[in-house]
Amino acid sequence: MSETRETMIKRLRMRSMRRGIKEMDLILSAFADAHLAAFSDEALVLYDRLLSENDHDIYGWVGGQFPTPPEYLDLVTRISEGAEGVTRPA
């Protein structure tokens, strides 16, 4: 049985809140709450793949410490823009 869009969004929100690093919990849960409902199906699949990456890598990409892989560049840029003020002052 395949997952419905609604179920996928709920699962992605949960995965966004339950990360290995508290900062990623804050950044990704705020992003998921604000944006996932408006994502295309393809964007949801990409976000799902991003969540499978290592938290330290994602945190480095969002913070600009590491170069972001090309497939995630637009998504990570959007997440970074929303991260201002979540874990650091705006």
PDB file of N, CA and C in Angstrom:
ATOM      1  N   MET A   1       0.841  -1.169   0.000  1.00  0.00           N
ATOM      2  CA  MET A   1       0.000   0.000   0.000  1.00  0.00           C
ATOM      3  C   MET A   1       0.895   1.243   0.000  1.00  0.00           C
ATOM      4  N   SER A   2       0.596   2.196  -0.870  1.00  0.00           N
ATOM      5  CA  SER A   2       1.429   3.387  -0.935  1.00  0.00           C
ATOM      6  C   SER A   2       0.915   4.441   0.046  1.00  0.00           C
ATOM      7  N   GLU A   3       1.799   5.311   0.413  1.00  0.00           N
ATOM      8  CA  GLU A   3       1.519   6.355   1.390  1.00  0.00           C
ATOM      9  C   GLU A   3       0.735   7.506   0.740  1.00  0.00           C
ATOM     10  N   THR A   4      -0.284   7.998   1.415  1.00  0.00           N
ATOM     11  CA  THR A   4      -1.012   9.158   0.892  1.00  0.00           C
ATOM     12  C   THR A   4      -0.181  10.419   1.126  1.00  0.00           C
ATOM     13  N   ARG A   5      -0.508  11.467   0.403  1.00  0.00           N
ATOM     14  CA  ARG A   5       0.200  12.744   0.557  1.00  0.00           C
ATOM     15  C   ARG A   5       0.082  13.246   1.999  1.00  0.00           C
ATOM     16  N   GLU A   6      -1.121  13.180   2.551  1.00  0.00           N
ATOM     17  CA  GLU A   6      -1.347  13.639   3.924  1.00  0.00           C
ATOM     18  C   GLU A   6      -0.494  12.854   4.921  1.00  0.00           C
ATOM     19  N   THR A   7      -0.441  11.544   4.754  1.00  0.00           N
ATOM     20  CA  THR A   7       0.367  10.703   5.634  1.00  0.00           C
ATOM     21  C   THR A   7       1.849  11.025   5.484  1.00  0.00           C
ATOM     22  N   MET A   8       2.285  11.248   4.248  1.00  0.00           N
ATOM     23  CA  MET A   8       3.688  11.585   4.011  1.00  0.00           C
ATOM     24  C   MET A   8       4.052  12.899   4.699  1.00  0.00           C
ATOM     25  N   ILE A   9       3.202  13.900   4.592  1.00  0.00           N
ATOM     26  CA  ILE A   9       3.473  15.187   5.235  1.00  0.00           C
ATOM     27  C   ILE A   9       3.539  15.024   6.751  1.00  0.00           C
ATOM     28  N   LYS A  10       2.633  14.250   7.333  1.00  0.00           N
ATOM     29  CA  LYS A  10       2.668  14.000   8.776  1.00  0.00           C
ATOM     30  C   LYS A  10       3.967  13.305   9.176  1.00  0.00           C
ATOM     31  N   ARG A  11       4.372  12.315   8.383  1.00  0.00           N
ATOM     32  CA  ARG A  11       5.612  11.589   8.676  1.00  0.00           C
ATOM     33  C   ARG A  11       6.819  12.525   8.578  1.00  0.00           C
ATOM     34  N   LEU A  12       6.851  13.355   7.541  1.00  0.00           N
ATOM     35  CA  LEU A  12       7.973  14.281   7.366  1.00  0.00           C
ATOM     36  C   LEU A  12       8.014  15.328   8.480  1.00  0.00           C
ATOM     37  N   ARG A  13       6.857  15.777   8.929  1.00  0.00           N
ATOM     38  CA  ARG A  13       6.831  16.720  10.062  1.00  0.00           C
ATOM     39  C   ARG A  13       7.402  16.056  11.313  1.00  0.00           C
ATOM     40  N   MET A  14       7.019  14.808  11.548  1.00  0.00           N
ATOM     41  CA  MET A  14       7.527  14.093  12.716  1.00  0.00           C
ATOM     42  C   MET A  14       9.040  13.899  12.617  1.00  0.00           C
ATOM     43  N   ARG A  15       9.510  13.506  11.440  1.00  0.00           N
ATOM     44  CA  ARG A  15      10.956  13.329  11.247  1.00  0.00           C
ATOM     45  C   ARG A  15      11.702  14.650  11.374  1.00  0.00           C
ATOM     46  N   SER A  16      11.049  15.741  11.048  1.00  0.00           N
ATOM     47  CA  SER A  16      11.664  17.062  11.170  1.00  0.00           C
ATOM     48  C   SER A  16      11.806  17.473  12.635  1.00  0.00           C
ATOM     49  N   MET A  17      10.907  16.993  13.485  1.00  0.00           N
ATOM     50  CA  MET A  17      10.926  17.344  14.911  1.00  0.00           C
ATOM     51  C   MET A  17      11.834  16.443  15.728  1.00  0.00           C
ATOM     52  N   ARG A  18      12.098  15.262  15.251  1.00  0.00           N
ATOM     53  CA  ARG A  18      12.831  14.263  16.030  1.00  0.00           C
ATOM     54  C   ARG A  18      14.181  13.968  15.383  1.00  0.00           C
ATOM     55  N   ARG A  19      15.067  14.937  15.440  1.00  0.00           N
ATOM     56  CA  ARG A  19      16.393  14.808  14.841  1.00  0.00           C
ATOM     57  C   ARG A  19      17.394  14.434  15.932  1.00  0.00           C
ATOM     58  N   GLY A  20      18.644  14.286  15.564  1.00  0.00           N
ATOM     59  CA  GLY A  20      19.677  13.963  16.538  1.00  0.00           C
ATOM     60  C   GLY A  20      20.294  15.182  17.192  1.00  0.00           C
ATOM     61  N   ILE A  21      20.042  16.356  16.625  1.00  0.00           N
ATOM     62  CA  ILE A  21      20.605  17.603  17.131  1.00  0.00           C
ATOM     63  C   ILE A  21      19.443  18.559  17.404  1.00  0.00           C
ATOM     64  N   LYS A  22      19.407  19.149  18.597  1.00  0.00           N
ATOM     65  CA  LYS A  22      18.296  20.032  18.978  1.00  0.00           C
ATOM     66  C   LYS A  22      18.128  21.186  17.996  1.00  0.00           C
ATOM     67  N   GLU A  23      19.250  21.761  17.524  1.00  0.00           N
ATOM     68  CA  GLU A  23      19.164  22.866  16.565  1.00  0.00           C
ATOM     69  C   GLU A  23      18.435  22.443  15.294  1.00  0.00           C
ATOM     70  N   MET A  24      18.690  21.215  14.850  1.00  0.00           N
ATOM     71  CA  MET A  24      18.015  20.727  13.647  1.00  0.00           C
ATOM     72  C   MET A  24      16.534  20.491  13.918  1.00  0.00           C
ATOM     73  N   ASP A  25      16.194  20.060  15.141  1.00  0.00           N
ATOM     74  CA  ASP A  25      14.776  19.940  15.523  1.00  0.00           C
ATOM     75  C   ASP A  25      14.074  21.281  15.325  1.00  0.00           C
ATOM     76  N   LEU A  26      14.692  22.333  15.829  1.00  0.00           N
ATOM     77  CA  LEU A  26      14.088  23.668  15.768  1.00  0.00           C
ATOM     78  C   LEU A  26      13.994  24.182  14.338  1.00  0.00           C
ATOM     79  N   ILE A  27      15.087  24.073  13.600  1.00  0.00           N
ATOM     80  CA  ILE A  27      15.132  24.596  12.228  1.00  0.00           C
ATOM     81  C   ILE A  27      14.173  23.837  11.325  1.00  0.00           C
ATOM     82  N   LEU A  28      14.283  22.502  11.328  1.00  0.00           N
ATOM     83  CA  LEU A  28      13.495  21.708  10.383  1.00  0.00           C
ATOM     84  C   LEU A  28      12.017  21.644  10.750  1.00  0.00           C
ATOM     85  N   SER A  29      11.697  21.620  12.036  1.00  0.00           N
ATOM     86  CA  SER A  29      10.273  21.583  12.393  1.00  0.00           C
ATOM     87  C   SER A  29       9.594  22.901  12.023  1.00  0.00           C
ATOM     88  N   ALA A  30      10.270  24.025  12.222  1.00  0.00           N
ATOM     89  CA  ALA A  30       9.701  25.320  11.818  1.00  0.00           C
ATOM     90  C   ALA A  30       9.523  25.372  10.302  1.00  0.00           C
ATOM     91  N   PHE A  31      10.520  24.880   9.566  1.00  0.00           N
ATOM     92  CA  PHE A  31      10.432  24.869   8.108  1.00  0.00           C
ATOM     93  C   PHE A  31       9.294  23.964   7.644  1.00  0.00           C
ATOM     94  N   ALA A  32       9.214  22.772   8.212  1.00  0.00           N
ATOM     95  CA  ALA A  32       8.180  21.813   7.809  1.00  0.00           C
ATOM     96  C   ALA A  32       6.785  22.375   8.064  1.00  0.00           C
ATOM     97  N   ASP A  33       6.585  22.955   9.230  1.00  0.00           N
ATOM     98  CA  ASP A  33       5.272  23.522   9.554  1.00  0.00           C
ATOM     99  C   ASP A  33       4.883  24.638   8.589  1.00  0.00           C
ATOM    100  N   ALA A  34       5.865  25.414   8.172  1.00  0.00           N
ATOM    101  CA  ALA A  34       5.585  26.566   7.311  1.00  0.00           C
ATOM    102  C   ALA A  34       5.420  26.209   5.834  1.00  0.00           C
ATOM    103  N   HIS A  35       6.068  25.118   5.367  1.00  0.00           N
ATOM    104  CA  HIS A  35       6.172  24.920   3.923  1.00  0.00           C
ATOM    105  C   HIS A  35       5.681  23.590   3.347  1.00  0.00           C
ATOM    106  N   LEU A  36       5.688  22.519   4.108  1.00  0.00           N
ATOM    107  CA  LEU A  36       5.427  21.209   3.504  1.00  0.00           C
ATOM    108  C   LEU A  36       4.064  21.096   2.839  1.00  0.00           C
ATOM    109  N   ALA A  37       3.050  21.691   3.403  1.00  0.00           N
ATOM    110  CA  ALA A  37       1.703  21.568   2.823  1.00  0.00           C
ATOM    111  C   ALA A  37       1.636  22.131   1.408  1.00  0.00           C
ATOM    112  N   ALA A  38       2.485  23.105   1.099  1.00  0.00           N
ATOM    113  CA  ALA A  38       2.473  23.728  -0.231  1.00  0.00           C
ATOM    114  C   ALA A  38       3.453  23.072  -1.203  1.00  0.00           C
ATOM    115  N   PHE A  39       4.244  22.119  -0.737  1.00  0.00           N
ATOM    116  CA  PHE A  39       5.237  21.460  -1.592  1.00  0.00           C
ATOM    117  C   PHE A  39       4.565  20.584  -2.641  1.00  0.00           C
ATOM    118  N   SER A  40       5.197  20.495  -3.796  1.00  0.00           N
ATOM    119  CA  SER A  40       4.779  19.520  -4.806  1.00  0.00           C
ATOM    120  C   SER A  40       5.173  18.129  -4.315  1.00  0.00           C
ATOM    121  N   ASP A  41       4.636  17.105  -4.959  1.00  0.00           N
ATOM    122  CA  ASP A  41       5.006  15.739  -4.594  1.00  0.00           C
ATOM    123  C   ASP A  41       6.507  15.513  -4.769  1.00  0.00           C
ATOM    124  N   GLU A  42       7.078  16.060  -5.834  1.00  0.00           N
ATOM    125  CA  GLU A  42       8.515  15.905  -6.090  1.00  0.00           C
ATOM    126  C   GLU A  42       9.337  16.589  -5.000  1.00  0.00           C
ATOM    127  N   ALA A  43       8.894  17.757  -4.552  1.00  0.00           N
ATOM    128  CA  ALA A  43       9.603  18.473  -3.492  1.00  0.00           C
ATOM    129  C   ALA A  43       9.520  17.709  -2.171  1.00  0.00           C
ATOM    130  N   LEU A  44       8.385  17.056  -1.911  1.00  0.00           N
ATOM    131  CA  LEU A  44       8.261  16.238  -0.701  1.00  0.00           C
ATOM    132  C   LEU A  44       9.234  15.068  -0.732  1.00  0.00           C
ATOM    133  N   VAL A  45       9.385  14.442  -1.888  1.00  0.00           N
ATOM    134  CA  VAL A  45      10.328  13.321  -2.026  1.00  0.00           C
ATOM    135  C   VAL A  45      11.756  13.813  -1.788  1.00  0.00           C
ATOM    136  N   LEU A  46      12.093  14.980  -2.323  1.00  0.00           N
ATOM    137  CA  LEU A  46      13.426  15.544  -2.119  1.00  0.00           C
ATOM    138  C   LEU A  46      13.655  15.863  -0.643  1.00  0.00           C
ATOM    139  N   TYR A  47      12.669  16.438   0.018  1.00  0.00           N
ATOM    140  CA  TYR A  47      12.785  16.739   1.448  1.00  0.00           C
ATOM    141  C   TYR A  47      12.954  15.450   2.250  1.00  0.00           C
ATOM    142  N   ASP A  48      12.238  14.410   1.875  1.00  0.00           N
ATOM    143  CA  ASP A  48      12.367  13.102   2.516  1.00  0.00           C
ATOM    144  C   ASP A  48      13.803  12.589   2.374  1.00  0.00           C
ATOM    145  N   ARG A  49      14.373  12.736   1.188  1.00  0.00           N
ATOM    146  CA  ARG A  49      15.764  12.312   0.972  1.00  0.00           C
ATOM    147  C   ARG A  49      16.722  13.146   1.819  1.00  0.00           C
ATOM    148  N   LEU A  50      16.469  14.449   1.907  1.00  0.00           N
ATOM    149  CA  LEU A  50      17.316  15.310   2.733  1.00  0.00           C
ATOM    150  C   LEU A  50      17.306  14.845   4.182  1.00  0.00           C
ATOM    151  N   LEU A  51      16.141  14.472   4.686  1.00  0.00           N
ATOM    152  CA  LEU A  51      16.036  14.027   6.075  1.00  0.00           C
ATOM    153  C   LEU A  51      16.789  12.727   6.336  1.00  0.00           C
ATOM    154  N   SER A  52      17.146  12.009   5.284  1.00  0.00           N
ATOM    155  CA  SER A  52      17.927  10.779   5.442  1.00  0.00           C
ATOM    156  C   SER A  52      19.422  11.064   5.562  1.00  0.00           C
ATOM    157  N   GLU A  53      19.807  12.301   5.311  1.00  0.00           N
ATOM    158  CA  GLU A  53      21.213  12.683   5.422  1.00  0.00           C
ATOM    159  C   GLU A  53      21.587  12.856   6.890  1.00  0.00           C
ATOM    160  N   ASN A  54      22.876  12.870   7.159  1.00  0.00           N
ATOM    161  CA  ASN A  54      23.406  13.051   8.506  1.00  0.00           C
ATOM    162  C   ASN A  54      23.073  14.452   9.025  1.00  0.00           C
ATOM    163  N   ASP A  55      22.617  14.539  10.273  1.00  0.00           N
ATOM    164  CA  ASP A  55      22.255  15.833  10.859  1.00  0.00           C
ATOM    165  C   ASP A  55      23.410  16.824  10.870  1.00  0.00           C
ATOM    166  N   HIS A  56      24.605  16.348  11.161  1.00  0.00           N
ATOM    167  CA  HIS A  56      25.765  17.248  11.180  1.00  0.00           C
ATOM    168  C   HIS A  56      26.020  17.827   9.796  1.00  0.00           C
ATOM    169  N   ASP A  57      25.821  17.019   8.765  1.00  0.00           N
ATOM    170  CA  ASP A  57      25.979  17.517   7.394  1.00  0.00           C
ATOM    171  C   ASP A  57      24.914  18.561   7.072  1.00  0.00           C
ATOM    172  N   ILE A  58      23.661  18.244   7.389  1.00  0.00           N
ATOM    173  CA  ILE A  58      22.574  19.193   7.106  1.00  0.00           C
ATOM    174  C   ILE A  58      22.816  20.506   7.850  1.00  0.00           C
ATOM    175  N   TYR A  59      23.217  20.417   9.101  1.00  0.00           N
ATOM    176  CA  TYR A  59      23.476  21.620   9.898  1.00  0.00           C
ATOM    177  C   TYR A  59      24.594  22.451   9.271  1.00  0.00           C
ATOM    178  N   GLY A  60      25.630  21.776   8.790  1.00  0.00           N
ATOM    179  CA  GLY A  60      26.720  22.473   8.111  1.00  0.00           C
ATOM    180  C   GLY A  60      26.276  23.125   6.813  1.00  0.00           C
ATOM    181  N   TRP A  61      25.402  22.459   6.082  1.00  0.00           N
ATOM    182  CA  TRP A  61      24.886  23.030   4.826  1.00  0.00           C
ATOM    183  C   TRP A  61      24.019  24.254   5.121  1.00  0.00           C
ATOM    184  N   VAL A  62      23.130  24.114   6.106  1.00  0.00           N
ATOM    185  CA  VAL A  62      22.223  25.215   6.449  1.00  0.00           C
ATOM    186  C   VAL A  62      23.014  26.412   6.979  1.00  0.00           C
ATOM    187  N   GLY A  63      24.035  26.142   7.763  1.00  0.00           N
ATOM    188  CA  GLY A  63      24.845  27.217   8.335  1.00  0.00           C
ATOM    189  C   GLY A  63      25.926  27.749   7.422  1.00  0.00           C
ATOM    190  N   GLY A  64      26.118  27.097   6.276  1.00  0.00           N
ATOM    191  CA  GLY A  64      27.113  27.555   5.319  1.00  0.00           C
ATOM    192  C   GLY A  64      28.530  27.110   5.619  1.00  0.00           C
ATOM    193  N   GLN A  65      28.720  26.189   6.566  1.00  0.00           N
ATOM    194  CA  GLN A  65      30.058  25.710   6.886  1.00  0.00           C
ATOM    195  C   GLN A  65      30.578  24.701   5.871  1.00  0.00           C
ATOM    196  N   PHE A  66      29.671  23.976   5.223  1.00  0.00           N
ATOM    197  CA  PHE A  66      30.042  22.969   4.225  1.00  0.00           C
ATOM    198  C   PHE A  66      29.330  23.290   2.920  1.00  0.00           C
ATOM    199  N   PRO A  67      29.941  22.946   1.789  1.00  0.00           N
ATOM    200  CA  PRO A  67      29.228  23.130   0.519  1.00  0.00           C
ATOM    201  C   PRO A  67      28.035  22.167   0.436  1.00  0.00           C
ATOM    202  N   THR A  68      26.916  22.681  -0.013  1.00  0.00           N
ATOM    203  CA  THR A  68      25.696  21.887  -0.142  1.00  0.00           C
ATOM    204  C   THR A  68      25.722  21.101  -1.442  1.00  0.00           C
ATOM    205  N   PRO A  69      25.395  19.806  -1.411  1.00  0.00           N
ATOM    206  CA  PRO A  69      25.300  19.040  -2.660  1.00  0.00           C
ATOM    207  C   PRO A  69      24.301  19.707  -3.610  1.00  0.00           C
ATOM    208  N   PRO A  70      24.613  19.706  -4.898  1.00  0.00           N
ATOM    209  CA  PRO A  70      23.767  20.412  -5.878  1.00  0.00           C
ATOM    210  C   PRO A  70      22.294  20.026  -5.839  1.00  0.00           C
ATOM    211  N   GLU A  71      21.984  18.751  -5.587  1.00  0.00           N
ATOM    212  CA  GLU A  71      20.578  18.325  -5.601  1.00  0.00           C
ATOM    213  C   GLU A  71      19.768  18.951  -4.463  1.00  0.00           C
ATOM    214  N   TYR A  72      20.444  19.394  -3.404  1.00  0.00           N
ATOM    215  CA  TYR A  72      19.758  19.980  -2.258  1.00  0.00           C
ATOM    216  C   TYR A  72      19.896  21.501  -2.183  1.00  0.00           C
ATOM    217  N   LEU A  73      20.623  22.114  -3.095  1.00  0.00           N
ATOM    218  CA  LEU A  73      20.985  23.524  -2.967  1.00  0.00           C
ATOM    219  C   LEU A  73      19.773  24.447  -2.798  1.00  0.00           C
ATOM    220  N   ASP A  74      18.779  24.345  -3.660  1.00  0.00           N
ATOM    221  CA  ASP A  74      17.607  25.224  -3.552  1.00  0.00           C
ATOM    222  C   ASP A  74      16.847  24.988  -2.247  1.00  0.00           C
ATOM    223  N   LEU A  75      16.675  23.733  -1.887  1.00  0.00           N
ATOM    224  CA  LEU A  75      15.948  23.389  -0.666  1.00  0.00           C
ATOM    225  C   LEU A  75      16.690  23.893   0.569  1.00  0.00           C
ATOM    226  N   VAL A  76      17.988  23.647   0.632  1.00  0.00           N
ATOM    227  CA  VAL A  76      18.780  24.085   1.784  1.00  0.00           C
ATOM    228  C   VAL A  76      18.819  25.610   1.867  1.00  0.00           C
ATOM    229  N   THR A  77      18.848  26.272   0.725  1.00  0.00           N
ATOM    230  CA  THR A  77      18.804  27.738   0.725  1.00  0.00           C
ATOM    231  C   THR A  77      17.506  28.229   1.363  1.00  0.00           C
ATOM    232  N   ARG A  78      16.396  27.614   1.012  1.00  0.00           N
ATOM    233  CA  ARG A  78      15.099  27.986   1.612  1.00  0.00           C
ATOM    234  C   ARG A  78      15.087  27.713   3.113  1.00  0.00           C
ATOM    235  N   ILE A  79      15.642  26.577   3.510  1.00  0.00           N
ATOM    236  CA  ILE A  79      15.701  26.244   4.938  1.00  0.00           C
ATOM    237  C   ILE A  79      16.573  27.262   5.663  1.00  0.00           C
ATOM    238  N   SER A  80      17.710  27.615   5.076  1.00  0.00           N
ATOM    239  CA  SER A  80      18.628  28.586   5.688  1.00  0.00           C
ATOM    240  C   SER A  80      17.961  29.938   5.889  1.00  0.00           C
ATOM    241  N   GLU A  81      17.207  30.373   4.896  1.00  0.00           N
ATOM    242  CA  GLU A  81      16.515  31.662   5.000  1.00  0.00           C
ATOM    243  C   GLU A  81      15.535  31.660   6.166  1.00  0.00           C
ATOM    244  N   GLY A  82      14.895  30.538   6.400  1.00  0.00           N
ATOM    245  CA  GLY A  82      13.951  30.437   7.508  1.00  0.00           C
ATOM    246  C   GLY A  82      14.604  30.192   8.847  1.00  0.00           C
ATOM    247  N   ALA A  83      15.897  29.867   8.848  1.00  0.00           N
ATOM    248  CA  ALA A  83      16.595  29.547  10.092  1.00  0.00           C
ATOM    249  C   ALA A  83      17.048  30.789  10.848  1.00  0.00           C
ATOM    250  N   GLU A  84      17.053  31.939  10.197  1.00  0.00           N
ATOM    251  CA  GLU A  84      17.440  33.173  10.883  1.00  0.00           C
ATOM    252  C   GLU A  84      16.561  33.369  12.111  1.00  0.00           C
ATOM    253  N   GLY A  85      17.193  33.542  13.247  1.00  0.00           N
ATOM    254  CA  GLY A  85      16.454  33.775  14.473  1.00  0.00           C
ATOM    255  C   GLY A  85      15.994  32.521  15.183  1.00  0.00           C
ATOM    256  N   VAL A  86      16.085  31.364  14.533  1.00  0.00           N
ATOM    257  CA  VAL A  86      15.669  30.121  15.194  1.00  0.00           C
ATOM    258  C   VAL A  86      16.750  29.669  16.163  1.00  0.00           C
ATOM    259  N   THR A  87      18.001  29.617  15.703  1.00  0.00           N
ATOM    260  CA  THR A  87      19.097  29.205  16.574  1.00  0.00           C
ATOM    261  C   THR A  87      20.148  30.287  16.710  1.00  0.00           C
ATOM    262  N   ARG A  88      19.996  31.377  15.958  1.00  0.00           N
ATOM    263  CA  ARG A  88      20.939  32.493  16.055  1.00  0.00           C
ATOM    264  C   ARG A  88      20.147  33.786  15.875  1.00  0.00           C
ATOM    265  N   PRO A  89      20.641  34.881  16.432  1.00  0.00           N
ATOM    266  CA  PRO A  89      19.909  36.151  16.292  1.00  0.00           C
ATOM    267  C   PRO A  89      19.765  36.562  14.836  1.00  0.00           C
ATOM    268  N   ALA A  90      18.661  37.185  14.511  1.00  0.00           N
ATOM    269  CA  ALA A  90      18.415  37.661  13.141  1.00  0.00           C
ATOM    270  C   ALA A  90      19.272  38.868  12.814  1.00  0.00           C
TER     271      ALA A  90
END
